[in-house]
């Protein structure tokens, strides 16, 4: 057992200070992340499905790199969190420019949702 003034093992799981805090694990594979330049969104009465896609220029196929399924309540919370973070980003780095050609639906994907 560690003494109060001794450093703890850096490989040991960290215990949250707040008893209501959630300890979140992040594996090395997930921490590397996936690049996506297109998001397609579909929904039903009980869930939202967000597919993160990597679309490569000049190729007729695109790969879904991740699919996230969330409840409508969490979708609304995600929109609020993204809006807050975009506002903070633009305050720090200036406005995000959206290219006019990015508004269309690429390669006949149809009118689902696009982000």
PDB file of N, CA and C in Angstrom:
ATOM      1  N   UNK A   1       0.848  -1.184   0.000  1.00  0.00           N
ATOM      2  CA  UNK A   1       0.000   0.000   0.000  1.00  0.00           C
ATOM      3  C   UNK A   1       0.887   1.240   0.000  1.00  0.00           C
ATOM      4  N   UNK A   2       0.491   2.253  -0.749  1.00  0.00           N
ATOM      5  CA  UNK A   2       1.272   3.486  -0.828  1.00  0.00           C
ATOM      6  C   UNK A   2       1.136   4.299   0.447  1.00  0.00           C
ATOM      7  N   UNK A   3       2.240   4.886   0.840  1.00  0.00           N
ATOM      8  CA  UNK A   3       2.217   5.806   1.957  1.00  0.00           C
ATOM      9  C   UNK A   3       1.693   7.152   1.445  1.00  0.00           C
ATOM     10  N   UNK A   4       1.102   7.985   2.277  1.00  0.00           N
ATOM     11  CA  UNK A   4       0.504   9.234   1.821  1.00  0.00           C
ATOM     12  C   UNK A   4       1.438  10.136   1.037  1.00  0.00           C
ATOM     13  N   UNK A   5       2.739  10.172   1.340  1.00  0.00           N
ATOM     14  CA  UNK A   5       3.653  11.075   0.654  1.00  0.00           C
ATOM     15  C   UNK A   5       4.447  10.405  -0.457  1.00  0.00           C
ATOM     16  N   UNK A   6       4.162   9.149  -0.752  1.00  0.00           N
ATOM     17  CA  UNK A   6       4.882   8.467  -1.817  1.00  0.00           C
ATOM     18  C   UNK A   6       4.088   8.550  -3.116  1.00  0.00           C
ATOM     19  N   UNK A   7       4.794   8.652  -4.269  1.00  0.00           N
ATOM     20  CA  UNK A   7       4.069   8.696  -5.535  1.00  0.00           C
ATOM     21  C   UNK A   7       3.368   7.364  -5.789  1.00  0.00           C
ATOM     22  N   UNK A   8       2.223   7.421  -6.443  1.00  0.00           N
ATOM     23  CA  UNK A   8       1.490   6.196  -6.742  1.00  0.00           C
ATOM     24  C   UNK A   8       2.031   5.572  -8.023  1.00  0.00           C
ATOM     25  N   UNK A   9       1.682   4.335  -8.249  1.00  0.00           N
ATOM     26  CA  UNK A   9       2.088   3.609  -9.446  1.00  0.00           C
ATOM     27  C   UNK A   9       1.432   4.259 -10.659  1.00  0.00           C
ATOM     28  N   UNK A  10       2.213   4.735 -11.648  1.00  0.00           N
ATOM     29  CA  UNK A  10       1.616   5.410 -12.805  1.00  0.00           C
ATOM     30  C   UNK A  10       0.768   4.478 -13.662  1.00  0.00           C
ATOM     31  N   UNK A  11       0.947   3.165 -13.547  1.00  0.00           N
ATOM     32  CA  UNK A  11       0.157   2.217 -14.332  1.00  0.00           C
ATOM     33  C   UNK A  11      -1.119   1.777 -13.626  1.00  0.00           C
ATOM     34  N   UNK A  12      -1.257   2.158 -12.370  1.00  0.00           N
ATOM     35  CA  UNK A  12      -2.452   1.783 -11.612  1.00  0.00           C
ATOM     36  C   UNK A  12      -3.632   2.622 -12.080  1.00  0.00           C
ATOM     37  N   UNK A  13      -4.842   2.039 -12.099  1.00  0.00           N
ATOM     38  CA  UNK A  13      -6.016   2.831 -12.488  1.00  0.00           C
ATOM     39  C   UNK A  13      -6.208   3.994 -11.529  1.00  0.00           C
ATOM     40  N   UNK A  14      -6.560   5.138 -12.081  1.00  0.00           N
ATOM     41  CA  UNK A  14      -6.770   6.330 -11.265  1.00  0.00           C
ATOM     42  C   UNK A  14      -8.167   6.285 -10.663  1.00  0.00           C
ATOM     43  N   UNK A  15      -8.254   6.552  -9.385  1.00  0.00           N
ATOM     44  CA  UNK A  15      -9.537   6.592  -8.704  1.00  0.00           C
ATOM     45  C   UNK A  15     -10.052   8.025  -8.759  1.00  0.00           C
ATOM     46  N   UNK A  16     -11.302   8.200  -9.200  1.00  0.00           N
ATOM     47  CA  UNK A  16     -11.853   9.555  -9.231  1.00  0.00           C
ATOM     48  C   UNK A  16     -11.920  10.149  -7.822  1.00  0.00           C
ATOM     49  N   UNK A  17     -11.649  11.455  -7.708  1.00  0.00           N
ATOM     50  CA  UNK A  17     -11.716  12.135  -6.417  1.00  0.00           C
ATOM     51  C   UNK A  17     -13.163  12.298  -5.970  1.00  0.00           C
ATOM     52  N   UNK A  18     -14.054  12.606  -6.903  1.00  0.00           N
ATOM     53  CA  UNK A  18     -15.471  12.798  -6.618  1.00  0.00           C
ATOM     54  C   UNK A  18     -16.155  11.435  -6.633  1.00  0.00           C
ATOM     55  N   UNK A  19     -16.886  11.073  -5.587  1.00  0.00           N
ATOM     56  CA  UNK A  19     -17.531   9.754  -5.563  1.00  0.00           C
ATOM     57  C   UNK A  19     -18.581   9.588  -6.666  1.00  0.00           C
ATOM     58  N   UNK A  20     -19.078  10.686  -7.244  1.00  0.00           N
ATOM     59  CA  UNK A  20     -20.053  10.618  -8.337  1.00  0.00           C
ATOM     60  C   UNK A  20     -19.387  10.649  -9.710  1.00  0.00           C
ATOM     61  N   UNK A  21     -18.057  10.818  -9.754  1.00  0.00           N
ATOM     62  CA  UNK A  21     -17.344  10.891 -11.025  1.00  0.00           C
ATOM     63  C   UNK A  21     -17.295   9.515 -11.681  1.00  0.00           C
ATOM     64  N   UNK A  22     -17.191   9.515 -12.980  1.00  0.00           N
ATOM     65  CA  UNK A  22     -17.116   8.280 -13.744  1.00  0.00           C
ATOM     66  C   UNK A  22     -15.671   8.090 -14.195  1.00  0.00           C
ATOM     67  N   UNK A  23     -15.151   6.899 -13.998  1.00  0.00           N
ATOM     68  CA  UNK A  23     -13.816   6.568 -14.471  1.00  0.00           C
ATOM     69  C   UNK A  23     -13.960   6.041 -15.900  1.00  0.00           C
ATOM     70  N   UNK A  24     -13.297   6.695 -16.847  1.00  0.00           N
ATOM     71  CA  UNK A  24     -13.424   6.330 -18.259  1.00  0.00           C
ATOM     72  C   UNK A  24     -12.121   5.718 -18.737  1.00  0.00           C
ATOM     73  N   UNK A  25     -12.211   4.542 -19.359  1.00  0.00           N
ATOM     74  CA  UNK A  25     -11.040   3.872 -19.914  1.00  0.00           C
ATOM     75  C   UNK A  25     -10.952   4.167 -21.408  1.00  0.00           C
ATOM     76  N   UNK A  26      -9.751   4.351 -21.891  1.00  0.00           N
ATOM     77  CA  UNK A  26      -9.510   4.613 -23.304  1.00  0.00           C
ATOM     78  C   UNK A  26      -8.398   3.687 -23.768  1.00  0.00           C
ATOM     79  N   UNK A  27      -8.743   2.699 -24.581  1.00  0.00           N
ATOM     80  CA  UNK A  27      -7.728   1.754 -25.064  1.00  0.00           C
ATOM     81  C   UNK A  27      -6.809   2.457 -26.059  1.00  0.00           C
ATOM     82  N   UNK A  28      -5.635   1.906 -26.253  1.00  0.00           N
ATOM     83  CA  UNK A  28      -4.683   2.492 -27.203  1.00  0.00           C
ATOM     84  C   UNK A  28      -5.270   2.545 -28.606  1.00  0.00           C
ATOM     85  N   UNK A  29      -5.969   1.484 -29.005  1.00  0.00           N
ATOM     86  CA  UNK A  29      -6.549   1.434 -30.344  1.00  0.00           C
ATOM     87  C   UNK A  29      -7.572   2.552 -30.552  1.00  0.00           C
ATOM     88  N   UNK A  30      -8.451   2.752 -29.590  1.00  0.00           N
ATOM     89  CA  UNK A  30      -9.461   3.802 -29.696  1.00  0.00           C
ATOM     90  C   UNK A  30      -8.801   5.177 -29.587  1.00  0.00           C
ATOM     91  N   UNK A  31      -7.777   5.307 -28.759  1.00  0.00           N
ATOM     92  CA  UNK A  31      -7.092   6.587 -28.572  1.00  0.00           C
ATOM     93  C   UNK A  31      -6.445   7.081 -29.865  1.00  0.00           C
ATOM     94  N   UNK A  32      -6.070   6.155 -30.754  1.00  0.00           N
ATOM     95  CA  UNK A  32      -5.480   6.555 -32.040  1.00  0.00           C
ATOM     96  C   UNK A  32      -6.496   7.286 -32.898  1.00  0.00           C
ATOM     97  N   UNK A  33      -7.770   6.991 -32.723  1.00  0.00           N
ATOM     98  CA  UNK A  33      -8.817   7.672 -33.468  1.00  0.00           C
ATOM     99  C   UNK A  33      -8.954   7.162 -34.893  1.00  0.00           C
ATOM    100  N   UNK A  34      -9.995   7.601 -35.548  1.00  0.00           N
ATOM    101  CA  UNK A  34     -10.265   7.306 -36.948  1.00  0.00           C
ATOM    102  C   UNK A  34     -10.548   8.627 -37.643  1.00  0.00           C
ATOM    103  N   UNK A  35      -9.991   8.819 -38.822  1.00  0.00           N
ATOM    104  CA  UNK A  35     -10.291  10.019 -39.602  1.00  0.00           C
ATOM    105  C   UNK A  35     -11.568   9.788 -40.395  1.00  0.00           C
ATOM    106  N   UNK A  36     -12.483  10.744 -40.338  1.00  0.00           N
ATOM    107  CA  UNK A  36     -13.702  10.706 -41.132  1.00  0.00           C
ATOM    108  C   UNK A  36     -13.937  12.109 -41.683  1.00  0.00           C
ATOM    109  N   UNK A  37     -14.390  12.179 -42.928  1.00  0.00           N
ATOM    110  CA  UNK A  37     -14.680  13.483 -43.520  1.00  0.00           C
ATOM    111  C   UNK A  37     -16.127  13.583 -43.988  1.00  0.00           C
ATOM    112  N   UNK A  38     -16.947  12.641 -43.540  1.00  0.00           N
ATOM    113  CA  UNK A  38     -18.365  12.657 -43.867  1.00  0.00           C
ATOM    114  C   UNK A  38     -19.110  11.930 -42.751  1.00  0.00           C
ATOM    115  N   UNK A  39     -20.264  12.448 -42.385  1.00  0.00           N
ATOM    116  CA  UNK A  39     -21.115  11.763 -41.414  1.00  0.00           C
ATOM    117  C   UNK A  39     -22.510  11.665 -42.012  1.00  0.00           C
ATOM    118  N   UNK A  40     -23.074  10.480 -41.954  1.00  0.00           N
ATOM    119  CA  UNK A  40     -24.440  10.258 -42.420  1.00  0.00           C
ATOM    120  C   UNK A  40     -25.269   9.928 -41.182  1.00  0.00           C
ATOM    121  N   UNK A  41     -26.426  10.547 -41.086  1.00  0.00           N
ATOM    122  CA  UNK A  41     -27.256  10.398 -39.890  1.00  0.00           C
ATOM    123  C   UNK A  41     -28.635   9.890 -40.292  1.00  0.00           C
ATOM    124  N   UNK A  42     -29.088   8.867 -39.605  1.00  0.00           N
ATOM    125  CA  UNK A  42     -30.442   8.339 -39.773  1.00  0.00           C
ATOM    126  C   UNK A  42     -31.063   8.226 -38.387  1.00  0.00           C
ATOM    127  N   UNK A  43     -32.379   8.163 -38.329  1.00  0.00           N
ATOM    128  CA  UNK A  43     -33.023   8.045 -37.020  1.00  0.00           C
ATOM    129  C   UNK A  43     -34.339   7.293 -37.116  1.00  0.00           C
ATOM    130  N   UNK A  44     -34.728   6.741 -35.976  1.00  0.00           N
ATOM    131  CA  UNK A  44     -36.038   6.132 -35.790  1.00  0.00           C
ATOM    132  C   UNK A  44     -36.656   6.841 -34.599  1.00  0.00           C
ATOM    133  N   UNK A  45     -37.771   6.365 -34.120  1.00  0.00           N
ATOM    134  CA  UNK A  45     -38.398   7.000 -32.958  1.00  0.00           C
ATOM    135  C   UNK A  45     -37.591   6.799 -31.683  1.00  0.00           C
ATOM    136  N   UNK A  46     -36.696   5.805 -31.667  1.00  0.00           N
ATOM    137  CA  UNK A  46     -35.990   5.494 -30.429  1.00  0.00           C
ATOM    138  C   UNK A  46     -34.481   5.687 -30.477  1.00  0.00           C
ATOM    139  N   UNK A  47     -33.911   5.960 -31.669  1.00  0.00           N
ATOM    140  CA  UNK A  47     -32.446   6.087 -31.739  1.00  0.00           C
ATOM    141  C   UNK A  47     -32.004   6.908 -32.935  1.00  0.00           C
ATOM    142  N   UNK A  48     -30.798   7.447 -32.799  1.00  0.00           N
ATOM    143  CA  UNK A  48     -30.108   8.100 -33.897  1.00  0.00           C
ATOM    144  C   UNK A  48     -28.898   7.241 -34.232  1.00  0.00           C
ATOM    145  N   UNK A  49     -28.642   7.056 -35.513  1.00  0.00           N
ATOM    146  CA  UNK A  49     -27.487   6.290 -35.971  1.00  0.00           C
ATOM    147  C   UNK A  49     -26.595   7.253 -36.743  1.00  0.00           C
ATOM    148  N   UNK A  50     -25.359   7.396 -36.297  1.00  0.00           N
ATOM    149  CA  UNK A  50     -24.406   8.283 -36.956  1.00  0.00           C
ATOM    150  C   UNK A  50     -23.276   7.415 -37.508  1.00  0.00           C
ATOM    151  N   UNK A  51     -23.137   7.404 -38.826  1.00  0.00           N
ATOM    152  CA  UNK A  51     -22.045   6.698 -39.482  1.00  0.00           C
ATOM    153  C   UNK A  51     -20.967   7.713 -39.833  1.00  0.00           C
ATOM    154  N   UNK A  52     -19.756   7.488 -39.355  1.00  0.00           N
ATOM    155  CA  UNK A  52     -18.608   8.323 -39.684  1.00  0.00           C
ATOM    156  C   UNK A  52     -17.870   7.633 -40.821  1.00  0.00           C
ATOM    157  N   UNK A  53     -17.685   8.357 -41.921  1.00  0.00           N
ATOM    158  CA  UNK A  53     -17.225   7.769 -43.172  1.00  0.00           C
ATOM    159  C   UNK A  53     -15.958   8.477 -43.643  1.00  0.00           C
ATOM    160  N   UNK A  54     -15.057   7.706 -44.238  1.00  0.00           N
ATOM    161  CA  UNK A  54     -13.881   8.274 -44.886  1.00  0.00           C
ATOM    162  C   UNK A  54     -14.108   8.188 -46.383  1.00  0.00           C
ATOM    163  N   UNK A  55     -14.311   9.349 -46.999  1.00  0.00           N
ATOM    164  CA  UNK A  55     -14.533   9.460 -48.429  1.00  0.00           C
ATOM    165  C   UNK A  55     -13.247   9.945 -49.074  1.00  0.00           C
ATOM    166  N   UNK A  56     -12.698   9.145 -49.981  1.00  0.00           N
ATOM    167  CA  UNK A  56     -11.445   9.517 -50.631  1.00  0.00           C
ATOM    168  C   UNK A  56     -11.744  10.092 -52.016  1.00  0.00           C
ATOM    169  N   UNK A  57     -11.113  11.203 -52.367  1.00  0.00           N
ATOM    170  CA  UNK A  57     -11.366  11.826 -53.667  1.00  0.00           C
ATOM    171  C   UNK A  57     -11.082  10.864 -54.823  1.00  0.00           C
ATOM    172  N   UNK A  58     -11.989  10.843 -55.788  1.00  0.00           N
ATOM    173  CA  UNK A  58     -11.785  10.047 -56.986  1.00  0.00           C
ATOM    174  C   UNK A  58     -12.128   8.574 -56.850  1.00  0.00           C
ATOM    175  N   UNK A  59     -12.486   8.118 -55.675  1.00  0.00           N
ATOM    176  CA  UNK A  59     -12.839   6.713 -55.503  1.00  0.00           C
ATOM    177  C   UNK A  59     -14.350   6.575 -55.385  1.00  0.00           C
ATOM    178  N   UNK A  60     -14.929   5.583 -56.062  1.00  0.00           N
ATOM    179  CA  UNK A  60     -16.387   5.439 -56.034  1.00  0.00           C
ATOM    180  C   UNK A  60     -16.928   4.795 -54.758  1.00  0.00           C
ATOM    181  N   UNK A  61     -16.056   4.289 -53.893  1.00  0.00           N
ATOM    182  CA  UNK A  61     -16.484   3.659 -52.649  1.00  0.00           C
ATOM    183  C   UNK A  61     -15.982   4.459 -51.460  1.00  0.00           C
ATOM    184  N   UNK A  62     -16.762   4.407 -50.389  1.00  0.00           N
ATOM    185  CA  UNK A  62     -16.346   5.032 -49.134  1.00  0.00           C
ATOM    186  C   UNK A  62     -16.574   4.017 -48.030  1.00  0.00           C
ATOM    187  N   UNK A  63     -15.742   4.072 -47.006  1.00  0.00           N
ATOM    188  CA  UNK A  63     -15.852   3.117 -45.906  1.00  0.00           C
ATOM    189  C   UNK A  63     -16.378   3.789 -44.649  1.00  0.00           C
ATOM    190  N   UNK A  64     -17.331   3.110 -44.010  1.00  0.00           N
ATOM    191  CA  UNK A  64     -17.778   3.549 -42.693  1.00  0.00           C
ATOM    192  C   UNK A  64     -16.685   3.154 -41.716  1.00  0.00           C
ATOM    193  N   UNK A  65     -16.150   4.132 -41.015  1.00  0.00           N
ATOM    194  CA  UNK A  65     -15.065   3.883 -40.063  1.00  0.00           C
ATOM    195  C   UNK A  65     -15.598   3.658 -38.656  1.00  0.00           C
ATOM    196  N   UNK A  66     -16.782   4.197 -38.357  1.00  0.00           N
ATOM    197  CA  UNK A  66     -17.394   3.986 -37.042  1.00  0.00           C
ATOM    198  C   UNK A  66     -18.887   4.241 -37.159  1.00  0.00           C
ATOM    199  N   UNK A  67     -19.672   3.481 -36.420  1.00  0.00           N
ATOM    200  CA  UNK A  67     -21.115   3.700 -36.317  1.00  0.00           C
ATOM    201  C   UNK A  67     -21.435   3.875 -34.841  1.00  0.00           C
ATOM    202  N   UNK A  68     -22.101   4.970 -34.538  1.00  0.00           N
ATOM    203  CA  UNK A  68     -22.492   5.264 -33.165  1.00  0.00           C
ATOM    204  C   UNK A  68     -24.015   5.336 -33.114  1.00  0.00           C
ATOM    205  N   UNK A  69     -24.608   4.614 -32.194  1.00  0.00           N
ATOM    206  CA  UNK A  69     -26.059   4.607 -32.008  1.00  0.00           C
ATOM    207  C   UNK A  69     -26.346   5.236 -30.648  1.00  0.00           C
ATOM    208  N   UNK A  70     -27.184   6.278 -30.656  1.00  0.00           N
ATOM    209  CA  UNK A  70     -27.491   6.997 -29.415  1.00  0.00           C
ATOM    210  C   UNK A  70     -28.999   7.263 -29.331  1.00  0.00           C
ATOM    211  N   UNK A  71     -29.452   7.576 -28.132  1.00  0.00           N
ATOM    212  CA  UNK A  71     -30.863   7.895 -27.923  1.00  0.00           C
ATOM    213  C   UNK A  71     -31.134   9.322 -28.424  1.00  0.00           C
ATOM    214  N   UNK A  72     -32.387   9.661 -28.692  1.00  0.00           N
ATOM    215  CA  UNK A  72     -32.704  11.040 -29.086  1.00  0.00           C
ATOM    216  C   UNK A  72     -32.252  12.074 -28.051  1.00  0.00           C
ATOM    217  N   UNK A  73     -32.400  11.749 -26.767  1.00  0.00           N
ATOM    218  CA  UNK A  73     -31.950  12.686 -25.724  1.00  0.00           C
ATOM    219  C   UNK A  73     -30.447  12.922 -25.817  1.00  0.00           C
ATOM    220  N   UNK A  74     -29.682  11.852 -26.001  1.00  0.00           N
ATOM    221  CA  UNK A  74     -28.236  12.013 -26.107  1.00  0.00           C
ATOM    222  C   UNK A  74     -27.842  12.718 -27.405  1.00  0.00           C
ATOM    223  N   UNK A  75     -28.621  12.525 -28.464  1.00  0.00           N
ATOM    224  CA  UNK A  75     -28.357  13.245 -29.716  1.00  0.00           C
ATOM    225  C   UNK A  75     -28.496  14.750 -29.478  1.00  0.00           C
ATOM    226  N   UNK A  76     -29.526  15.134 -28.763  1.00  0.00           N
ATOM    227  CA  UNK A  76     -29.729  16.555 -28.471  1.00  0.00           C
ATOM    228  C   UNK A  76     -28.605  17.097 -27.595  1.00  0.00           C
ATOM    229  N   UNK A  77     -28.156  16.297 -26.618  1.00  0.00           N
ATOM    230  CA  UNK A  77     -27.033  16.714 -25.777  1.00  0.00           C
ATOM    231  C   UNK A  77     -25.744  16.830 -26.594  1.00  0.00           C
ATOM    232  N   UNK A  78     -25.560  15.919 -27.552  1.00  0.00           N
ATOM    233  CA  UNK A  78     -24.381  15.975 -28.420  1.00  0.00           C
ATOM    234  C   UNK A  78     -24.385  17.249 -29.252  1.00  0.00           C
ATOM    235  N   UNK A  79     -25.536  17.610 -29.812  1.00  0.00           N
ATOM    236  CA  UNK A  79     -25.647  18.851 -30.590  1.00  0.00           C
ATOM    237  C   UNK A  79     -25.272  20.052 -29.725  1.00  0.00           C
ATOM    238  N   UNK A  80     -25.769  20.095 -28.492  1.00  0.00           N
ATOM    239  CA  UNK A  80     -25.449  21.209 -27.587  1.00  0.00           C
ATOM    240  C   UNK A  80     -23.956  21.246 -27.267  1.00  0.00           C
ATOM    241  N   UNK A  81     -23.370  20.083 -27.007  1.00  0.00           N
ATOM    242  CA  UNK A  81     -21.936  20.028 -26.676  1.00  0.00           C
ATOM    243  C   UNK A  81     -21.089  20.434 -27.883  1.00  0.00           C
ATOM    244  N   UNK A  82     -21.469  19.982 -29.076  1.00  0.00           N
ATOM    245  CA  UNK A  82     -20.730  20.384 -30.281  1.00  0.00           C
ATOM    246  C   UNK A  82     -20.843  21.884 -30.512  1.00  0.00           C
ATOM    247  N   UNK A  83     -22.047  22.438 -30.347  1.00  0.00           N
ATOM    248  CA  UNK A  83     -22.240  23.883 -30.523  1.00  0.00           C
ATOM    249  C   UNK A  83     -21.368  24.676 -29.555  1.00  0.00           C
ATOM    250  N   UNK A  84     -21.329  24.251 -28.300  1.00  0.00           N
ATOM    251  CA  UNK A  84     -20.511  24.931 -27.293  1.00  0.00           C
ATOM    252  C   UNK A  84     -19.024  24.857 -27.658  1.00  0.00           C
ATOM    253  N   UNK A  85     -18.586  23.685 -28.110  1.00  0.00           N
ATOM    254  CA  UNK A  85     -17.173  23.526 -28.455  1.00  0.00           C
ATOM    255  C   UNK A  85     -16.806  24.276 -29.730  1.00  0.00           C
ATOM    256  N   UNK A  86     -17.704  24.348 -30.688  1.00  0.00           N
ATOM    257  CA  UNK A  86     -17.440  25.130 -31.901  1.00  0.00           C
ATOM    258  C   UNK A  86     -17.320  26.604 -31.551  1.00  0.00           C
ATOM    259  N   UNK A  87     -18.197  27.071 -30.673  1.00  0.00           N
ATOM    260  CA  UNK A  87     -18.123  28.470 -30.232  1.00  0.00           C
ATOM    261  C   UNK A  87     -16.782  28.766 -29.562  1.00  0.00           C
ATOM    262  N   UNK A  88     -16.335  27.880 -28.665  1.00  0.00           N
ATOM    263  CA  UNK A  88     -15.045  28.062 -27.999  1.00  0.00           C
ATOM    264  C   UNK A  88     -13.896  28.009 -29.002  1.00  0.00           C
ATOM    265  N   UNK A  89     -13.965  27.100 -29.969  1.00  0.00           N
ATOM    266  CA  UNK A  89     -12.931  26.978 -31.005  1.00  0.00           C
ATOM    267  C   UNK A  89     -12.843  28.279 -31.792  1.00  0.00           C
ATOM    268  N   UNK A  90     -13.998  28.800 -32.225  1.00  0.00           N
ATOM    269  CA  UNK A  90     -13.997  30.021 -33.039  1.00  0.00           C
ATOM    270  C   UNK A  90     -13.539  31.234 -32.245  1.00  0.00           C
ATOM    271  N   UNK A  91     -13.800  31.253 -30.946  1.00  0.00           N
ATOM    272  CA  UNK A  91     -13.286  32.345 -30.118  1.00  0.00           C
ATOM    273  C   UNK A  91     -11.761  32.293 -30.060  1.00  0.00           C
ATOM    274  N   UNK A  92     -11.197  31.091 -30.036  1.00  0.00           N
ATOM    275  CA  UNK A  92      -9.747  30.937 -29.933  1.00  0.00           C
ATOM    276  C   UNK A  92      -9.051  31.065 -31.286  1.00  0.00           C
ATOM    277  N   UNK A  93      -9.667  30.556 -32.358  1.00  0.00           N
ATOM    278  CA  UNK A  93      -8.964  30.445 -33.643  1.00  0.00           C
ATOM    279  C   UNK A  93      -9.628  31.176 -34.799  1.00  0.00           C
ATOM    280  N   UNK A  94     -10.770  31.779 -34.580  1.00  0.00           N
ATOM    281  CA  UNK A  94     -11.476  32.477 -35.644  1.00  0.00           C
ATOM    282  C   UNK A  94     -12.549  31.589 -36.261  1.00  0.00           C
ATOM    283  N   UNK A  95     -13.367  32.196 -37.117  1.00  0.00           N
ATOM    284  CA  UNK A  95     -14.487  31.471 -37.708  1.00  0.00           C
ATOM    285  C   UNK A  95     -14.042  30.265 -38.543  1.00  0.00           C
ATOM    286  N   UNK A  96     -14.836  29.228 -38.484  1.00  0.00           N
ATOM    287  CA  UNK A  96     -14.611  28.048 -39.317  1.00  0.00           C
ATOM    288  C   UNK A  96     -15.255  28.335 -40.665  1.00  0.00           C
ATOM    289  N   UNK A  97     -14.488  28.190 -41.726  1.00  0.00           N
ATOM    290  CA  UNK A  97     -15.003  28.426 -43.071  1.00  0.00           C
ATOM    291  C   UNK A  97     -15.562  27.130 -43.634  1.00  0.00           C
ATOM    292  N   UNK A  98     -16.774  27.193 -44.135  1.00  0.00           N
ATOM    293  CA  UNK A  98     -17.412  26.038 -44.765  1.00  0.00           C
ATOM    294  C   UNK A  98     -17.371  26.255 -46.266  1.00  0.00           C
ATOM    295  N   UNK A  99     -16.820  25.289 -46.997  1.00  0.00           N
ATOM    296  CA  UNK A  99     -16.718  25.385 -48.448  1.00  0.00           C
ATOM    297  C   UNK A  99     -18.099  25.233 -49.076  1.00  0.00           C
ATOM    298  N   UNK A 100     -18.436  26.056 -50.075  1.00  0.00           N
ATOM    299  CA  UNK A 100     -19.763  25.975 -50.687  1.00  0.00           C
ATOM    300  C   UNK A 100     -20.066  24.605 -51.290  1.00  0.00           C
ATOM    301  N   UNK A 101     -19.063  23.929 -51.842  1.00  0.00           N
ATOM    302  CA  UNK A 101     -19.306  22.619 -52.462  1.00  0.00           C
ATOM    303  C   UNK A 101     -19.514  21.520 -51.433  1.00  0.00           C
ATOM    304  N   UNK A 102     -19.280  21.795 -50.169  1.00  0.00           N
ATOM    305  CA  UNK A 102     -19.466  20.782 -49.125  1.00  0.00           C
ATOM    306  C   UNK A 102     -20.933  20.646 -48.723  1.00  0.00           C
ATOM    307  N   UNK A 103     -21.823  21.478 -49.281  1.00  0.00           N
ATOM    308  CA  UNK A 103     -23.227  21.443 -48.895  1.00  0.00           C
ATOM    309  C   UNK A 103     -24.016  20.361 -49.624  1.00  0.00           C
ATOM    310  N   UNK A 104     -23.503  19.837 -50.738  1.00  0.00           N
ATOM    311  CA  UNK A 104     -24.239  18.860 -51.524  1.00  0.00           C
ATOM    312  C   UNK A 104     -24.153  17.464 -50.937  1.00  0.00           C
ATOM    313  N   UNK A 105     -24.834  16.531 -51.586  1.00  0.00           N
ATOM    314  CA  UNK A 105     -24.807  15.137 -51.172  1.00  0.00           C
ATOM    315  C   UNK A 105     -23.894  14.391 -52.118  1.00  0.00           C
ATOM    316  N   UNK A 106     -22.715  13.973 -51.663  1.00  0.00           N
ATOM    317  CA  UNK A 106     -21.733  13.391 -52.552  1.00  0.00           C
ATOM    318  C   UNK A 106     -22.142  12.026 -53.093  1.00  0.00           C
ATOM    319  N   UNK A 107     -21.839  11.809 -54.337  1.00  0.00           N
ATOM    320  CA  UNK A 107     -21.920  10.494 -54.969  1.00  0.00           C
ATOM    321  C   UNK A 107     -23.255   9.795 -54.747  1.00  0.00           C
ATOM    322  N   UNK A 108     -24.366  10.526 -54.816  1.00  0.00           N
ATOM    323  CA  UNK A 108     -25.686   9.930 -54.757  1.00  0.00           C
ATOM    324  C   UNK A 108     -26.046   9.271 -53.440  1.00  0.00           C
ATOM    325  N   UNK A 109     -25.521   9.766 -52.321  1.00  0.00           N
ATOM    326  CA  UNK A 109     -25.864   9.175 -51.030  1.00  0.00           C
ATOM    327  C   UNK A 109     -27.331   9.412 -50.682  1.00  0.00           C
ATOM    328  N   UNK A 110     -27.946  10.399 -51.282  1.00  0.00           N
ATOM    329  CA  UNK A 110     -29.339  10.685 -50.965  1.00  0.00           C
ATOM    330  C   UNK A 110     -29.452  11.682 -49.838  1.00  0.00           C
ATOM    331  N   UNK A 111     -30.670  11.955 -49.444  1.00  0.00           N
ATOM    332  CA  UNK A 111     -30.904  12.995 -48.441  1.00  0.00           C
ATOM    333  C   UNK A 111     -31.145  12.410 -47.077  1.00  0.00           C
ATOM    334  N   UNK A 112     -30.175  11.719 -46.540  1.00  0.00           N
ATOM    335  CA  UNK A 112     -30.229  11.343 -45.124  1.00  0.00           C
ATOM    336  C   UNK A 112     -29.794  12.615 -44.405  1.00  0.00           C
ATOM    337  N   UNK A 113     -29.053  12.549 -43.382  1.00  0.00           N
ATOM    338  CA  UNK A 113     -28.484  13.730 -42.764  1.00  0.00           C
ATOM    339  C   UNK A 113     -27.011  13.768 -43.069  1.00  0.00           C
ATOM    340  N   UNK A 114     -26.450  14.919 -43.235  1.00  0.00           N
ATOM    341  CA  UNK A 114     -25.028  15.026 -43.533  1.00  0.00           C
ATOM    342  C   UNK A 114     -24.400  16.017 -42.587  1.00  0.00           C
ATOM    343  N   UNK A 115     -23.218  15.686 -42.122  1.00  0.00           N
ATOM    344  CA  UNK A 115     -22.486  16.630 -41.264  1.00  0.00           C
ATOM    345  C   UNK A 115     -21.088  16.763 -41.799  1.00  0.00           C
TER     346      UNK A 115
END
